Amino acid sequence: MIAKENEAVVRRYIEEVWNRHDLDAIDGLVSPGYVNHAANTDEYRHGGARRIWEWLLSVFPDHRFDVEDAVADGDTVAVRGTMTGTHEGELFGVPPTGERVAARQSHWFRVANGKLTEHWAVRDDLGMMRQLGVMPVQE
């Protein structure tokens, strides 16, 4: 039963924060000691859920993540899906292109006491950069 409850927390986080962009929901869903192992800098790695979403929404204001599959085992929840958005802010030094992207991603979360405590991700950033036209496409 705990696994299903943890999956519900992750799905709520994705729907409320990632898709509806309700950053105030972070406080009720993410623990203060939250660690984002997928972040590139310490600023975003430790306790930076709100900061990373403020940045990400400045890059992709219409960000959406559609869950295609989810599995939960104890305190760990994994989701696989597609992120979509329009590039309207600087991303890794690349100025806004106005291009729409769709990138496959997998995310793993650890949940304790009804809140997210850790996050890992595997993202197709190279494919996304190719869609933005800043990386060559292999023929």
N, C-alpha and C. Protein backbone atom coordinates (compact mmCIF):
# COMPACT_ATOMS: atom_id res chain seq x y z
N MET A 1 0.82 -1.20 0.00
CA MET A 1 0.00 0.00 0.00
C MET A 1 0.86 1.26 0.00
N ILE A 2 2.00 1.25 0.71
CA ILE A 2 2.89 2.42 0.77
C ILE A 2 3.36 2.80 -0.63
N ALA A 3 3.71 1.83 -1.45
CA ALA A 3 4.21 2.11 -2.80
C ALA A 3 3.17 2.88 -3.60
N LYS A 4 1.92 2.47 -3.53
CA LYS A 4 0.85 3.17 -4.27
C LYS A 4 0.66 4.59 -3.75
N GLU A 5 0.77 4.77 -2.44
CA GLU A 5 0.65 6.11 -1.87
C GLU A 5 1.81 6.99 -2.34
N ASN A 6 3.01 6.42 -2.40
CA ASN A 6 4.17 7.17 -2.87
C ASN A 6 4.03 7.52 -4.35
N GLU A 7 3.51 6.60 -5.14
CA GLU A 7 3.26 6.90 -6.56
C GLU A 7 2.26 8.05 -6.69
N ALA A 8 1.25 8.07 -5.85
CA ALA A 8 0.27 9.15 -5.89
C ALA A 8 0.92 10.50 -5.57
N VAL A 9 1.87 10.52 -4.63
CA VAL A 9 2.58 11.76 -4.30
C VAL A 9 3.36 12.26 -5.52
N VAL A 10 4.07 11.35 -6.19
CA VAL A 10 4.86 11.72 -7.37
C VAL A 10 3.94 12.21 -8.48
N ARG A 11 2.86 11.51 -8.74
CA ARG A 11 1.93 11.94 -9.79
C ARG A 11 1.33 13.31 -9.47
N ARG A 12 1.03 13.55 -8.20
CA ARG A 12 0.51 14.86 -7.79
C ARG A 12 1.56 15.95 -8.02
N TYR A 13 2.82 15.67 -7.65
CA TYR A 13 3.91 16.62 -7.87
C TYR A 13 4.05 16.95 -9.36
N ILE A 14 4.04 15.93 -10.19
CA ILE A 14 4.17 16.16 -11.64
C ILE A 14 3.00 16.97 -12.16
N GLU A 15 1.80 16.62 -11.75
CA GLU A 15 0.63 17.33 -12.26
C GLU A 15 0.57 18.78 -11.74
N GLU A 16 0.75 18.96 -10.45
CA GLU A 16 0.60 20.30 -9.88
C GLU A 16 1.77 21.23 -10.19
N VAL A 17 3.00 20.72 -10.06
CA VAL A 17 4.18 21.58 -10.24
C VAL A 17 4.62 21.58 -11.70
N TRP A 18 4.89 20.41 -12.26
CA TRP A 18 5.45 20.33 -13.61
C TRP A 18 4.46 20.76 -14.68
N ASN A 19 3.17 20.42 -14.51
CA ASN A 19 2.20 20.69 -15.58
C ASN A 19 1.34 21.92 -15.34
N ARG A 20 0.92 22.16 -14.10
CA ARG A 20 0.11 23.34 -13.80
C ARG A 20 0.96 24.53 -13.36
N HIS A 21 2.24 24.27 -13.08
CA HIS A 21 3.20 25.31 -12.69
C HIS A 21 2.83 26.00 -11.38
N ASP A 22 2.23 25.24 -10.47
CA ASP A 22 1.88 25.74 -9.15
C ASP A 22 3.07 25.55 -8.22
N LEU A 23 3.96 26.52 -8.18
CA LEU A 23 5.18 26.40 -7.38
C LEU A 23 4.89 26.41 -5.88
N ASP A 24 3.75 26.95 -5.48
CA ASP A 24 3.40 26.92 -4.06
C ASP A 24 3.13 25.50 -3.59
N ALA A 25 2.79 24.59 -4.50
CA ALA A 25 2.54 23.19 -4.13
C ALA A 25 3.82 22.48 -3.71
N ILE A 26 4.97 23.03 -4.08
CA ILE A 26 6.26 22.41 -3.73
C ILE A 26 6.40 22.24 -2.22
N ASP A 27 6.02 23.24 -1.46
CA ASP A 27 6.19 23.19 -0.01
C ASP A 27 5.48 21.99 0.62
N GLY A 28 4.33 21.60 0.09
CA GLY A 28 3.59 20.47 0.64
C GLY A 28 4.01 19.12 0.09
N LEU A 29 4.82 19.12 -0.98
CA LEU A 29 5.18 17.87 -1.64
C LEU A 29 6.66 17.51 -1.57
N VAL A 30 7.51 18.48 -1.25
CA VAL A 30 8.96 18.27 -1.27
C VAL A 30 9.54 18.55 0.12
N SER A 31 10.36 17.63 0.62
CA SER A 31 10.95 17.81 1.95
C SER A 31 12.02 18.91 1.91
N PRO A 32 12.26 19.58 3.04
CA PRO A 32 13.28 20.64 3.08
C PRO A 32 14.68 20.12 2.73
N GLY A 33 14.97 18.86 3.00
CA GLY A 33 16.29 18.30 2.70
C GLY A 33 16.38 17.64 1.34
N TYR A 34 15.44 17.92 0.48
CA TYR A 34 15.35 17.34 -0.87
C TYR A 34 16.68 17.47 -1.63
N VAL A 35 17.09 16.37 -2.28
CA VAL A 35 18.31 16.37 -3.09
C VAL A 35 17.94 15.99 -4.51
N ASN A 36 18.31 16.86 -5.45
CA ASN A 36 18.07 16.62 -6.87
C ASN A 36 19.40 16.18 -7.49
N HIS A 37 19.58 14.88 -7.63
CA HIS A 37 20.83 14.33 -8.16
C HIS A 37 21.00 14.64 -9.65
N ALA A 38 19.94 15.07 -10.31
CA ALA A 38 20.01 15.38 -11.75
C ALA A 38 20.45 16.81 -12.01
N ALA A 39 20.54 17.63 -10.98
CA ALA A 39 20.90 19.04 -11.14
C ALA A 39 22.38 19.19 -11.47
N ASN A 40 22.69 20.24 -12.23
CA ASN A 40 24.06 20.49 -12.66
C ASN A 40 24.91 21.23 -11.63
N THR A 41 24.29 21.93 -10.70
CA THR A 41 25.04 22.73 -9.72
C THR A 41 24.50 22.49 -8.32
N ASP A 42 25.32 22.77 -7.31
CA ASP A 42 24.88 22.64 -5.92
C ASP A 42 23.71 23.54 -5.61
N GLU A 43 23.65 24.70 -6.26
CA GLU A 43 22.55 25.64 -6.05
C GLU A 43 21.20 24.96 -6.27
N TYR A 44 21.13 24.08 -7.25
CA TYR A 44 19.88 23.40 -7.58
C TYR A 44 19.82 21.99 -7.00
N ARG A 45 20.94 21.44 -6.60
CA ARG A 45 20.99 20.06 -6.13
C ARG A 45 20.38 19.89 -4.75
N HIS A 46 20.67 20.80 -3.82
CA HIS A 46 20.23 20.64 -2.44
C HIS A 46 19.12 21.63 -2.09
N GLY A 47 17.93 21.12 -1.85
CA GLY A 47 16.82 21.95 -1.42
C GLY A 47 16.36 22.97 -2.45
N GLY A 48 16.70 22.75 -3.72
CA GLY A 48 16.42 23.77 -4.73
C GLY A 48 15.25 23.49 -5.65
N ALA A 49 14.24 22.76 -5.19
CA ALA A 49 13.12 22.43 -6.07
C ALA A 49 12.45 23.69 -6.63
N ARG A 50 12.19 24.66 -5.78
CA ARG A 50 11.54 25.89 -6.26
C ARG A 50 12.45 26.65 -7.23
N ARG A 51 13.73 26.78 -6.88
CA ARG A 51 14.66 27.51 -7.75
C ARG A 51 14.77 26.86 -9.12
N ILE A 52 14.86 25.54 -9.15
CA ILE A 52 15.01 24.89 -10.45
C ILE A 52 13.75 25.05 -11.29
N TRP A 53 12.57 25.03 -10.65
CA TRP A 53 11.34 25.21 -11.42
C TRP A 53 11.17 26.66 -11.87
N GLU A 54 11.60 27.62 -11.09
CA GLU A 54 11.56 29.01 -11.55
C GLU A 54 12.43 29.16 -12.80
N TRP A 55 13.63 28.56 -12.77
CA TRP A 55 14.52 28.62 -13.93
C TRP A 55 13.92 27.88 -15.11
N LEU A 56 13.48 26.64 -14.90
CA LEU A 56 12.97 25.82 -16.00
C LEU A 56 11.76 26.47 -16.66
N LEU A 57 10.88 27.07 -15.87
CA LEU A 57 9.71 27.73 -16.45
C LEU A 57 10.07 29.03 -17.16
N SER A 58 11.22 29.61 -16.83
CA SER A 58 11.68 30.78 -17.59
C SER A 58 12.20 30.35 -18.96
N VAL A 59 12.65 29.11 -19.07
CA VAL A 59 13.14 28.56 -20.33
C VAL A 59 11.98 28.00 -21.15
N PHE A 60 11.13 27.21 -20.51
CA PHE A 60 9.97 26.58 -21.17
C PHE A 60 8.70 26.95 -20.40
N PRO A 61 8.13 28.14 -20.65
CA PRO A 61 6.97 28.58 -19.87
C PRO A 61 5.75 27.68 -20.02
N ASP A 62 5.70 26.92 -21.11
CA ASP A 62 4.57 26.00 -21.33
C ASP A 62 4.97 24.55 -21.06
N HIS A 63 5.98 24.35 -20.21
CA HIS A 63 6.49 23.01 -19.88
C HIS A 63 5.36 22.06 -19.52
N ARG A 64 5.48 20.84 -20.02
CA ARG A 64 4.53 19.78 -19.67
C ARG A 64 5.28 18.45 -19.68
N PHE A 65 4.90 17.56 -18.78
CA PHE A 65 5.46 16.21 -18.75
C PHE A 65 4.30 15.23 -18.71
N ASP A 66 4.20 14.42 -19.75
CA ASP A 66 3.15 13.41 -19.82
C ASP A 66 3.72 12.07 -19.40
N VAL A 67 3.19 11.54 -18.31
CA VAL A 67 3.62 10.24 -17.79
C VAL A 67 3.06 9.15 -18.70
N GLU A 68 3.95 8.32 -19.21
CA GLU A 68 3.54 7.20 -20.04
C GLU A 68 3.57 5.89 -19.28
N ASP A 69 4.36 5.83 -18.23
CA ASP A 69 4.45 4.64 -17.41
C ASP A 69 4.98 5.03 -16.04
N ALA A 70 4.53 4.33 -15.02
CA ALA A 70 5.01 4.57 -13.66
C ALA A 70 5.05 3.24 -12.93
N VAL A 71 6.03 3.12 -12.05
CA VAL A 71 6.15 1.93 -11.21
C VAL A 71 6.65 2.37 -9.84
N ALA A 72 6.10 1.75 -8.81
CA ALA A 72 6.50 2.09 -7.45
C ALA A 72 6.88 0.81 -6.70
N ASP A 73 7.95 0.92 -5.91
CA ASP A 73 8.40 -0.18 -5.09
C ASP A 73 8.90 0.41 -3.77
N GLY A 74 8.14 0.21 -2.73
CA GLY A 74 8.52 0.78 -1.43
C GLY A 74 8.56 2.29 -1.50
N ASP A 75 9.74 2.86 -1.17
CA ASP A 75 9.87 4.32 -1.15
C ASP A 75 10.34 4.90 -2.47
N THR A 76 10.49 4.06 -3.50
CA THR A 76 10.99 4.52 -4.80
C THR A 76 9.89 4.48 -5.85
N VAL A 77 9.81 5.57 -6.61
CA VAL A 77 8.84 5.67 -7.71
C VAL A 77 9.59 6.08 -8.96
N ALA A 78 9.36 5.37 -10.06
CA ALA A 78 9.97 5.71 -11.35
C ALA A 78 8.87 6.03 -12.34
N VAL A 79 9.10 7.08 -13.13
CA VAL A 79 8.17 7.44 -14.19
C VAL A 79 8.94 7.63 -15.49
N ARG A 80 8.27 7.30 -16.57
CA ARG A 80 8.84 7.47 -17.90
C ARG A 80 7.81 8.25 -18.71
N GLY A 81 8.30 9.22 -19.49
CA GLY A 81 7.36 10.00 -20.27
C GLY A 81 8.05 10.96 -21.22
N THR A 82 7.28 11.93 -21.67
CA THR A 82 7.77 12.91 -22.62
C THR A 82 7.54 14.31 -22.09
N MET A 83 8.61 15.11 -22.12
CA MET A 83 8.55 16.52 -21.77
C MET A 83 8.36 17.31 -23.05
N THR A 84 7.44 18.26 -23.04
CA THR A 84 7.26 19.16 -24.18
C THR A 84 7.31 20.60 -23.68
N GLY A 85 7.70 21.49 -24.58
CA GLY A 85 7.74 22.91 -24.24
C GLY A 85 8.29 23.73 -25.38
N THR A 86 8.09 25.03 -25.28
CA THR A 86 8.57 25.98 -26.27
C THR A 86 9.75 26.74 -25.67
N HIS A 87 10.87 26.76 -26.38
CA HIS A 87 12.12 27.35 -25.89
C HIS A 87 12.03 28.88 -25.96
N GLU A 88 11.75 29.51 -24.80
CA GLU A 88 11.57 30.96 -24.76
C GLU A 88 12.54 31.66 -23.81
N GLY A 89 13.52 30.93 -23.26
CA GLY A 89 14.52 31.52 -22.38
C GLY A 89 15.86 30.85 -22.62
N GLU A 90 16.93 31.48 -22.14
CA GLU A 90 18.27 30.93 -22.36
C GLU A 90 18.40 29.54 -21.74
N LEU A 91 18.98 28.62 -22.49
CA LEU A 91 19.17 27.24 -22.04
C LEU A 91 20.59 26.81 -22.33
N PHE A 92 21.38 26.59 -21.28
CA PHE A 92 22.79 26.16 -21.43
C PHE A 92 23.55 27.09 -22.37
N GLY A 93 23.29 28.39 -22.25
CA GLY A 93 23.98 29.38 -23.09
C GLY A 93 23.35 29.61 -24.44
N VAL A 94 22.28 28.89 -24.76
CA VAL A 94 21.61 29.03 -26.05
C VAL A 94 20.45 30.02 -25.88
N PRO A 95 20.48 31.12 -26.66
CA PRO A 95 19.39 32.08 -26.56
C PRO A 95 18.08 31.47 -27.04
N PRO A 96 16.94 32.04 -26.67
CA PRO A 96 15.65 31.50 -27.06
C PRO A 96 15.54 31.33 -28.58
N THR A 97 15.00 30.19 -28.99
CA THR A 97 14.82 29.91 -30.41
C THR A 97 13.35 29.97 -30.83
N GLY A 98 12.45 29.85 -29.85
CA GLY A 98 11.02 29.79 -30.17
C GLY A 98 10.59 28.42 -30.67
N GLU A 99 11.54 27.48 -30.70
CA GLU A 99 11.23 26.12 -31.19
C GLU A 99 10.49 25.31 -30.13
N ARG A 100 9.60 24.48 -30.59
CA ARG A 100 8.88 23.54 -29.73
C ARG A 100 9.69 22.24 -29.67
N VAL A 101 9.84 21.67 -28.48
CA VAL A 101 10.61 20.44 -28.32
C VAL A 101 9.75 19.37 -27.64
N ALA A 102 10.16 18.13 -27.88
CA ALA A 102 9.58 16.97 -27.19
C ALA A 102 10.75 16.05 -26.87
N ALA A 103 10.98 15.77 -25.60
CA ALA A 103 12.13 14.96 -25.19
C ALA A 103 11.69 13.84 -24.25
N ARG A 104 12.17 12.66 -24.53
CA ARG A 104 11.89 11.49 -23.68
C ARG A 104 12.72 11.64 -22.39
N GLN A 105 12.10 11.25 -21.28
CA GLN A 105 12.77 11.35 -19.98
C GLN A 105 12.30 10.23 -19.06
N SER A 106 13.20 9.86 -18.15
CA SER A 106 12.85 8.95 -17.06
C SER A 106 13.26 9.63 -15.76
N HIS A 107 12.41 9.52 -14.76
CA HIS A 107 12.67 10.15 -13.47
C HIS A 107 12.43 9.14 -12.36
N TRP A 108 13.30 9.16 -11.35
CA TRP A 108 13.16 8.33 -10.17
C TRP A 108 13.07 9.25 -8.97
N PHE A 109 12.17 8.91 -8.07
CA PHE A 109 11.98 9.71 -6.86
C PHE A 109 12.02 8.79 -5.65
N ARG A 110 12.54 9.31 -4.55
CA ARG A 110 12.42 8.64 -3.26
C ARG A 110 11.45 9.48 -2.45
N VAL A 111 10.51 8.80 -1.80
CA VAL A 111 9.47 9.46 -1.02
C VAL A 111 9.54 8.97 0.42
N ALA A 112 9.47 9.90 1.36
CA ALA A 112 9.43 9.56 2.79
C ALA A 112 8.42 10.46 3.48
N ASN A 113 7.57 9.87 4.27
CA ASN A 113 6.56 10.62 5.02
C ASN A 113 5.71 11.51 4.11
N GLY A 114 5.40 11.00 2.92
CA GLY A 114 4.51 11.72 2.00
C GLY A 114 5.15 12.86 1.25
N LYS A 115 6.50 12.97 1.30
CA LYS A 115 7.18 14.06 0.59
C LYS A 115 8.37 13.52 -0.20
N LEU A 116 8.66 14.19 -1.31
CA LEU A 116 9.82 13.81 -2.11
C LEU A 116 11.09 14.18 -1.37
N THR A 117 12.03 13.23 -1.33
CA THR A 117 13.30 13.49 -0.64
C THR A 117 14.48 13.46 -1.60
N GLU A 118 14.36 12.70 -2.71
CA GLU A 118 15.44 12.62 -3.69
C GLU A 118 14.87 12.46 -5.08
N HIS A 119 15.66 12.88 -6.08
CA HIS A 119 15.26 12.81 -7.49
C HIS A 119 16.48 12.52 -8.35
N TRP A 120 16.32 11.60 -9.30
CA TRP A 120 17.32 11.29 -10.31
C TRP A 120 16.62 11.35 -11.66
N ALA A 121 17.37 11.63 -12.73
CA ALA A 121 16.74 11.70 -14.05
C ALA A 121 17.70 11.27 -15.14
N VAL A 122 17.11 10.73 -16.19
CA VAL A 122 17.81 10.47 -17.44
C VAL A 122 16.98 11.17 -18.50
N ARG A 123 17.60 12.15 -19.17
CA ARG A 123 16.89 12.97 -20.15
C ARG A 123 17.62 12.93 -21.49
N ASP A 124 16.87 13.07 -22.55
CA ASP A 124 17.47 13.15 -23.88
C ASP A 124 17.78 14.61 -24.20
N ASP A 125 18.75 15.18 -23.48
CA ASP A 125 19.12 16.58 -23.70
C ASP A 125 19.74 16.78 -25.08
N LEU A 126 20.50 15.81 -25.57
CA LEU A 126 21.10 15.93 -26.90
C LEU A 126 20.00 16.00 -27.97
N GLY A 127 19.02 15.13 -27.87
CA GLY A 127 17.91 15.18 -28.82
C GLY A 127 17.17 16.51 -28.76
N MET A 128 17.01 17.04 -27.54
CA MET A 128 16.34 18.32 -27.38
C MET A 128 17.16 19.44 -28.03
N MET A 129 18.49 19.43 -27.83
CA MET A 129 19.34 20.45 -28.43
C MET A 129 19.31 20.34 -29.96
N ARG A 130 19.20 19.13 -30.48
CA ARG A 130 19.07 18.96 -31.93
C ARG A 130 17.76 19.57 -32.42
N GLN A 131 16.69 19.39 -31.68
CA GLN A 131 15.40 19.99 -32.05
C GLN A 131 15.47 21.51 -32.03
N LEU A 132 16.32 22.05 -31.17
CA LEU A 132 16.49 23.51 -31.11
C LEU A 132 17.38 24.03 -32.23
N GLY A 133 18.02 23.10 -32.96
CA GLY A 133 18.85 23.49 -34.08
C GLY A 133 20.25 23.90 -33.70
N VAL A 134 20.69 23.57 -32.49
CA VAL A 134 22.03 23.98 -32.05
C VAL A 134 23.04 22.83 -32.07
N MET A 135 22.59 21.64 -32.38
CA MET A 135 23.46 20.46 -32.51
C MET A 135 23.16 19.81 -33.85
N PRO A 136 24.21 19.33 -34.54
CA PRO A 136 23.96 18.69 -35.83
C PRO A 136 23.21 17.37 -35.67
N VAL A 137 22.40 17.07 -36.64
CA VAL A 137 21.66 15.81 -36.68
C VAL A 137 22.45 14.84 -37.53
N GLN A 138 22.71 13.67 -36.98
CA GLN A 138 23.44 12.63 -37.74
C GLN A 138 22.48 12.03 -38.78
N GLU A 139 22.96 11.90 -39.97
CA GLU A 139 22.15 11.28 -41.04
C GLU A 139 22.39 9.81 -41.08
